[in-house]
Amino acid sequence: MLGIGTSELILILVIALIIFGPGKLPEVGRAVGRAVAEFKRASEAVRKEITADIEEGEAKTNRARKTPKKEANNY
């Protein structure tokens, strides 16, 4: 999990508890969870778009290779 061990995670939670307080901490957790989920969705959409563009480029390259070129007469 991003190279964060148990002790680091506990330290982060204690600092968050001190900063936001016990009443606001669940709300902050939900907001962070939503932000992470939205980031995952956006990164997945970008990954799919890039993959589609790569596949489209490969298809064009393959079609260009299969199409015989007309030879020019050098007369």
C-alpha atoms as a PDB file:
ATOM      1  CA  MET A   1       0.000   0.000   0.000  1.00  0.00           C
ATOM      2  CA  LEU A   2       2.235   2.770  -1.304  1.00  0.00           C
ATOM      3  CA  GLY A   3       5.094   1.679   0.955  1.00  0.00           C
ATOM      4  CA  ILE A   4       3.284   2.868   4.099  1.00  0.00           C
ATOM      5  CA  GLY A   5       3.715   0.556   7.054  1.00  0.00           C
ATOM      6  CA  THR A   6       1.442   0.110  10.045  1.00  0.00           C
ATOM      7  CA  SER A   7       3.314   2.569  12.255  1.00  0.00           C
ATOM      8  CA  GLU A   8       3.243   5.271   9.563  1.00  0.00           C
ATOM      9  CA  LEU A   9      -0.471   4.727   9.009  1.00  0.00           C
ATOM     10  CA  ILE A  10      -1.188   5.041  12.730  1.00  0.00           C
ATOM     11  CA  LEU A  11       0.872   8.239  12.883  1.00  0.00           C
ATOM     12  CA  ILE A  12      -1.064   9.713   9.947  1.00  0.00           C
ATOM     13  CA  LEU A  13      -4.391   8.811  11.580  1.00  0.00           C
ATOM     14  CA  VAL A  14      -3.352  10.363  14.923  1.00  0.00           C
ATOM     15  CA  ILE A  15      -2.259  13.576  13.200  1.00  0.00           C
ATOM     16  CA  ALA A  16      -5.528  13.676  11.221  1.00  0.00           C
ATOM     17  CA  LEU A  17      -7.480  13.141  14.448  1.00  0.00           C
ATOM     18  CA  ILE A  18      -5.631  16.029  16.108  1.00  0.00           C
ATOM     19  CA  ILE A  19      -6.099  18.355  13.121  1.00  0.00           C
ATOM     20  CA  PHE A  20      -9.732  17.611  12.231  1.00  0.00           C
ATOM     21  CA  GLY A  21     -11.126  16.348  15.517  1.00  0.00           C
ATOM     22  CA  PRO A  22     -13.243  13.260  16.135  1.00  0.00           C
ATOM     23  CA  GLY A  23     -16.465  14.786  14.782  1.00  0.00           C
ATOM     24  CA  LYS A  24     -15.066  15.861  11.428  1.00  0.00           C
ATOM     25  CA  LEU A  25     -12.781  12.857  10.819  1.00  0.00           C
ATOM     26  CA  PRO A  26     -15.458  10.533   9.301  1.00  0.00           C
ATOM     27  CA  GLU A  27     -16.499  13.288   6.883  1.00  0.00           C
ATOM     28  CA  VAL A  28     -12.883  13.853   5.852  1.00  0.00           C
ATOM     29  CA  GLY A  29     -12.436  10.097   5.373  1.00  0.00           C
ATOM     30  CA  ARG A  30     -15.457   9.908   3.097  1.00  0.00           C
ATOM     31  CA  ALA A  31     -14.231  12.884   1.075  1.00  0.00           C
ATOM     32  CA  VAL A  32     -10.795  11.302   0.661  1.00  0.00           C
ATOM     33  CA  GLY A  33     -12.412   8.004  -0.336  1.00  0.00           C
ATOM     34  CA  ARG A  34     -14.550   9.734  -2.974  1.00  0.00           C
ATOM     35  CA  ALA A  35     -11.519  11.595  -4.308  1.00  0.00           C
ATOM     36  CA  VAL A  36      -9.506   8.387  -4.601  1.00  0.00           C
ATOM     37  CA  ALA A  37     -12.402   6.608  -6.337  1.00  0.00           C
ATOM     38  CA  GLU A  38     -12.823   9.500  -8.787  1.00  0.00           C
ATOM     39  CA  PHE A  39      -9.093   9.483  -9.501  1.00  0.00           C
ATOM     40  CA  LYS A  40      -9.207   5.737 -10.200  1.00  0.00           C
ATOM     41  CA  ARG A  41     -12.152   6.195 -12.579  1.00  0.00           C
ATOM     42  CA  ALA A  42     -10.443   9.031 -14.411  1.00  0.00           C
ATOM     43  CA  SER A  43      -7.141   7.167 -14.717  1.00  0.00           C
ATOM     44  CA  GLU A  44      -8.958   4.084 -16.019  1.00  0.00           C
ATOM     45  CA  ALA A  45     -10.747   6.205 -18.632  1.00  0.00           C
ATOM     46  CA  VAL A  46      -7.435   7.715 -19.744  1.00  0.00           C
ATOM     47  CA  ARG A  47      -5.835   4.258 -19.893  1.00  0.00           C
ATOM     48  CA  LYS A  48      -8.687   2.931 -22.047  1.00  0.00           C
ATOM     49  CA  GLU A  49      -8.454   5.922 -24.391  1.00  0.00           C
ATOM     50  CA  ILE A  50      -4.700   5.529 -24.808  1.00  0.00           C
ATOM     51  CA  THR A  51      -5.074   1.799 -25.420  1.00  0.00           C
ATOM     52  CA  ALA A  52      -7.759   2.435 -28.055  1.00  0.00           C
ATOM     53  CA  ASP A  53      -5.539   5.012 -29.785  1.00  0.00           C
ATOM     54  CA  ILE A  54      -2.603   2.605 -29.825  1.00  0.00           C
ATOM     55  CA  GLU A  55      -4.753  -0.199 -31.226  1.00  0.00           C
ATOM     56  CA  GLU A  56      -6.159   2.150 -33.870  1.00  0.00           C
ATOM     57  CA  GLY A  57      -2.648   3.195 -34.880  1.00  0.00           C
ATOM     58  CA  GLU A  58      -1.529  -0.421 -35.105  1.00  0.00           C
ATOM     59  CA  ALA A  59      -4.563  -1.269 -37.254  1.00  0.00           C
ATOM     60  CA  LYS A  60      -3.736   1.591 -39.642  1.00  0.00           C
ATOM     61  CA  THR A  61      -0.125   0.437 -39.839  1.00  0.00           C
ATOM     62  CA  ASN A  62      -1.181  -3.134 -40.570  1.00  0.00           C
ATOM     63  CA  ARG A  63      -3.606  -1.995 -43.294  1.00  0.00           C
ATOM     64  CA  ALA A  64      -0.886   0.139 -44.867  1.00  0.00           C
ATOM     65  CA  ARG A  65       1.490  -2.822 -44.928  1.00  0.00           C
ATOM     66  CA  LYS A  66      -1.093  -5.120 -46.536  1.00  0.00           C
ATOM     67  CA  THR A  67      -2.075  -2.652 -49.263  1.00  0.00           C
ATOM     68  CA  PRO A  68       0.134  -3.202 -52.308  1.00  0.00           C
ATOM     69  CA  LYS A  69       1.781  -0.070 -53.573  1.00  0.00           C
ATOM     70  CA  LYS A  70       1.560   0.801 -57.241  1.00  0.00           C
ATOM     71  CA  GLU A  71       4.948   0.846 -58.852  1.00  0.00           C
ATOM     72  CA  ALA A  72       5.784   3.921 -60.852  1.00  0.00           C
ATOM     73  CA  ASN A  73       7.027   3.459 -64.366  1.00  0.00           C
ATOM     74  CA  ASN A  74      10.467   4.933 -64.747  1.00  0.00           C
ATOM     75  CA  TYR A  75      10.312   5.424 -68.526  1.00  0.00           C
END
